[in-house]
Amino acid sequence: MTDKLWTIKDVAKHYRVCERTVRRMRHRGRIPEPVVSTRGTVRWRPADFYIREGKPGGILSADNSGQ
């Protein structure tokens, strides 16, 4: 079974935000690390956004210090 990897555009659609916001969230560590990250190409597994630090949605809150 091969799932399609998500692009920045797909992640933006998932969170209903613009692509620039996804880039900022990635920079701040608020979303999972991508599985592919090369010059001009960033891809994530969709499942990584549904489970992260025990929270649905995959976003770490600003007050969550990894606990």
N, C-alpha and C. Protein backbone atom coordinates (compact mmCIF):
# COMPACT_ATOMS: atom_id res chain seq x y z
N MET A 1 0.84 -1.18 0.00
CA MET A 1 0.00 0.00 0.00
C MET A 1 0.89 1.25 0.00
N THR A 2 0.67 2.11 -0.95
CA THR A 2 1.46 3.32 -1.06
C THR A 2 0.55 4.53 -0.93
N ASP A 3 0.74 5.31 0.13
CA ASP A 3 -0.02 6.55 0.29
C ASP A 3 0.68 7.66 -0.45
N LYS A 4 -0.09 8.56 -0.99
CA LYS A 4 0.47 9.73 -1.64
C LYS A 4 1.07 10.64 -0.57
N LEU A 5 2.28 11.09 -0.79
CA LEU A 5 2.89 12.04 0.13
C LEU A 5 2.29 13.42 -0.10
N TRP A 6 2.17 14.18 0.97
CA TRP A 6 1.59 15.52 0.89
C TRP A 6 2.64 16.57 0.58
N THR A 7 2.24 17.53 -0.22
CA THR A 7 3.06 18.71 -0.52
C THR A 7 2.68 19.81 0.47
N ILE A 8 3.37 20.93 0.38
CA ILE A 8 3.01 22.09 1.20
C ILE A 8 1.57 22.50 0.91
N LYS A 9 1.19 22.44 -0.34
CA LYS A 9 -0.17 22.80 -0.74
C LYS A 9 -1.20 21.88 -0.07
N ASP A 10 -0.91 20.58 -0.02
CA ASP A 10 -1.82 19.62 0.62
C ASP A 10 -1.95 19.89 2.12
N VAL A 11 -0.83 20.19 2.77
CA VAL A 11 -0.84 20.48 4.21
C VAL A 11 -1.64 21.77 4.45
N ALA A 12 -1.44 22.76 3.61
CA ALA A 12 -2.19 24.02 3.74
C ALA A 12 -3.69 23.76 3.62
N LYS A 13 -4.06 22.92 2.69
CA LYS A 13 -5.47 22.58 2.52
C LYS A 13 -6.02 21.87 3.75
N HIS A 14 -5.23 20.96 4.30
CA HIS A 14 -5.63 20.21 5.49
C HIS A 14 -5.93 21.14 6.67
N TYR A 15 -5.08 22.14 6.87
CA TYR A 15 -5.25 23.08 7.99
C TYR A 15 -6.06 24.32 7.63
N ARG A 16 -6.40 24.44 6.36
CA ARG A 16 -7.16 25.61 5.87
C ARG A 16 -6.40 26.91 6.13
N VAL A 17 -5.13 26.88 5.73
CA VAL A 17 -4.26 28.05 5.85
C VAL A 17 -3.52 28.22 4.52
N CYS A 18 -2.81 29.33 4.38
CA CYS A 18 -2.04 29.53 3.16
C CYS A 18 -0.70 28.78 3.25
N GLU A 19 -0.07 28.58 2.11
CA GLU A 19 1.19 27.85 2.06
C GLU A 19 2.29 28.53 2.87
N ARG A 20 2.28 29.84 2.92
CA ARG A 20 3.28 30.57 3.70
C ARG A 20 3.16 30.23 5.18
N THR A 21 1.94 30.06 5.65
CA THR A 21 1.73 29.69 7.05
C THR A 21 2.31 28.31 7.33
N VAL A 22 2.17 27.39 6.39
CA VAL A 22 2.74 26.04 6.56
C VAL A 22 4.26 26.14 6.67
N ARG A 23 4.86 26.96 5.83
CA ARG A 23 6.32 27.14 5.90
C ARG A 23 6.73 27.69 7.26
N ARG A 24 5.97 28.63 7.78
CA ARG A 24 6.27 29.21 9.10
C ARG A 24 6.08 28.17 10.20
N MET A 25 5.02 27.38 10.10
CA MET A 25 4.76 26.34 11.09
C MET A 25 5.90 25.32 11.09
N ARG A 26 6.38 24.98 9.92
CA ARG A 26 7.49 24.03 9.82
C ARG A 26 8.75 24.62 10.47
N HIS A 27 9.03 25.86 10.16
CA HIS A 27 10.21 26.53 10.71
C HIS A 27 10.17 26.58 12.24
N ARG A 28 8.98 26.74 12.79
CA ARG A 28 8.82 26.85 14.25
C ARG A 28 8.64 25.50 14.93
N GLY A 29 8.66 24.41 14.14
CA GLY A 29 8.51 23.08 14.72
C GLY A 29 7.10 22.74 15.15
N ARG A 30 6.12 23.40 14.57
CA ARG A 30 4.72 23.20 14.95
C ARG A 30 4.05 22.06 14.19
N ILE A 31 4.69 21.55 13.14
CA ILE A 31 4.17 20.41 12.39
C ILE A 31 5.26 19.36 12.29
N PRO A 32 4.89 18.13 11.95
CA PRO A 32 5.90 17.07 11.86
C PRO A 32 6.99 17.38 10.84
N GLU A 33 8.15 16.80 11.05
CA GLU A 33 9.23 16.93 10.08
C GLU A 33 8.85 16.19 8.80
N PRO A 34 9.20 16.73 7.64
CA PRO A 34 8.88 16.04 6.39
C PRO A 34 9.73 14.78 6.22
N VAL A 35 9.21 13.83 5.43
CA VAL A 35 9.97 12.61 5.14
C VAL A 35 10.91 12.84 3.96
N VAL A 36 10.60 13.82 3.12
CA VAL A 36 11.45 14.20 2.01
C VAL A 36 11.67 15.70 2.09
N SER A 37 12.92 16.10 2.10
CA SER A 37 13.23 17.52 2.14
C SER A 37 14.52 17.76 1.37
N THR A 38 14.36 18.10 0.12
CA THR A 38 15.49 18.45 -0.72
C THR A 38 15.22 19.83 -1.29
N ARG A 39 16.17 20.36 -1.95
CA ARG A 39 16.01 21.70 -2.50
C ARG A 39 14.76 21.79 -3.38
N GLY A 40 13.79 22.53 -2.92
CA GLY A 40 12.57 22.74 -3.69
C GLY A 40 11.52 21.65 -3.54
N THR A 41 11.78 20.60 -2.77
CA THR A 41 10.83 19.51 -2.60
C THR A 41 10.68 19.18 -1.12
N VAL A 42 9.46 19.29 -0.63
CA VAL A 42 9.17 18.94 0.75
C VAL A 42 7.91 18.08 0.71
N ARG A 43 7.97 16.90 1.36
CA ARG A 43 6.83 15.99 1.37
C ARG A 43 6.65 15.37 2.75
N TRP A 44 5.38 15.17 3.12
CA TRP A 44 5.02 14.57 4.40
C TRP A 44 4.12 13.36 4.19
N ARG A 45 4.12 12.45 5.18
CA ARG A 45 3.15 11.36 5.21
C ARG A 45 1.87 11.92 5.82
N PRO A 46 0.72 11.71 5.19
CA PRO A 46 -0.54 12.21 5.77
C PRO A 46 -0.77 11.71 7.20
N ALA A 47 -0.41 10.48 7.48
CA ALA A 47 -0.64 9.91 8.82
C ALA A 47 0.11 10.67 9.90
N ASP A 48 1.23 11.31 9.55
CA ASP A 48 2.00 12.06 10.54
C ASP A 48 1.23 13.25 11.10
N PHE A 49 0.22 13.71 10.38
CA PHE A 49 -0.56 14.86 10.84
C PHE A 49 -1.72 14.46 11.73
N TYR A 50 -2.04 13.19 11.78
CA TYR A 50 -3.15 12.75 12.59
C TYR A 50 -2.72 12.29 13.98
N ILE A 51 -1.44 11.96 14.13
CA ILE A 51 -0.94 11.58 15.45
C ILE A 51 0.42 12.25 15.64
N ARG A 52 0.48 13.17 16.55
CA ARG A 52 1.75 13.82 16.90
C ARG A 52 1.66 14.26 18.34
N GLU A 53 2.55 13.77 19.12
CA GLU A 53 2.57 14.11 20.54
C GLU A 53 1.22 13.85 21.20
N GLY A 54 0.52 12.82 20.72
CA GLY A 54 -0.76 12.45 21.32
C GLY A 54 -1.89 13.39 21.04
N LYS A 55 -1.71 14.30 20.08
CA LYS A 55 -2.76 15.27 19.78
C LYS A 55 -3.25 15.06 18.35
N PRO A 56 -4.58 15.02 18.15
CA PRO A 56 -5.08 14.95 16.78
C PRO A 56 -4.73 16.23 16.04
N GLY A 57 -4.51 16.14 14.77
CA GLY A 57 -4.24 17.32 13.96
C GLY A 57 -2.77 17.58 13.72
N GLY A 58 -1.92 17.15 14.60
CA GLY A 58 -0.49 17.25 14.36
C GLY A 58 0.18 18.55 14.70
N ILE A 59 -0.55 19.53 15.24
CA ILE A 59 0.09 20.79 15.57
C ILE A 59 0.43 20.82 17.05
N LEU A 60 1.64 21.19 17.37
CA LEU A 60 2.01 21.39 18.76
C LEU A 60 1.62 22.80 19.16
N SER A 61 0.99 22.92 20.31
CA SER A 61 0.63 24.25 20.76
C SER A 61 1.88 25.00 21.22
N ALA A 62 1.81 26.30 21.22
CA ALA A 62 2.97 27.13 21.57
C ALA A 62 3.41 26.89 23.02
N ASP A 63 2.47 26.51 23.88
CA ASP A 63 2.81 26.30 25.28
C ASP A 63 3.22 24.85 25.58
N ASN A 64 3.23 24.00 24.57
CA ASN A 64 3.62 22.60 24.76
C ASN A 64 5.12 22.48 24.50
N SER A 65 5.86 22.21 25.53
CA SER A 65 7.31 22.12 25.40
C SER A 65 7.78 20.69 25.23
N GLY A 66 6.97 19.87 24.55
CA GLY A 66 7.34 18.50 24.30
C GLY A 66 6.95 17.55 25.42
N GLN A 67 6.10 18.00 26.32
CA GLN A 67 5.68 17.15 27.44
C GLN A 67 4.42 16.41 27.09
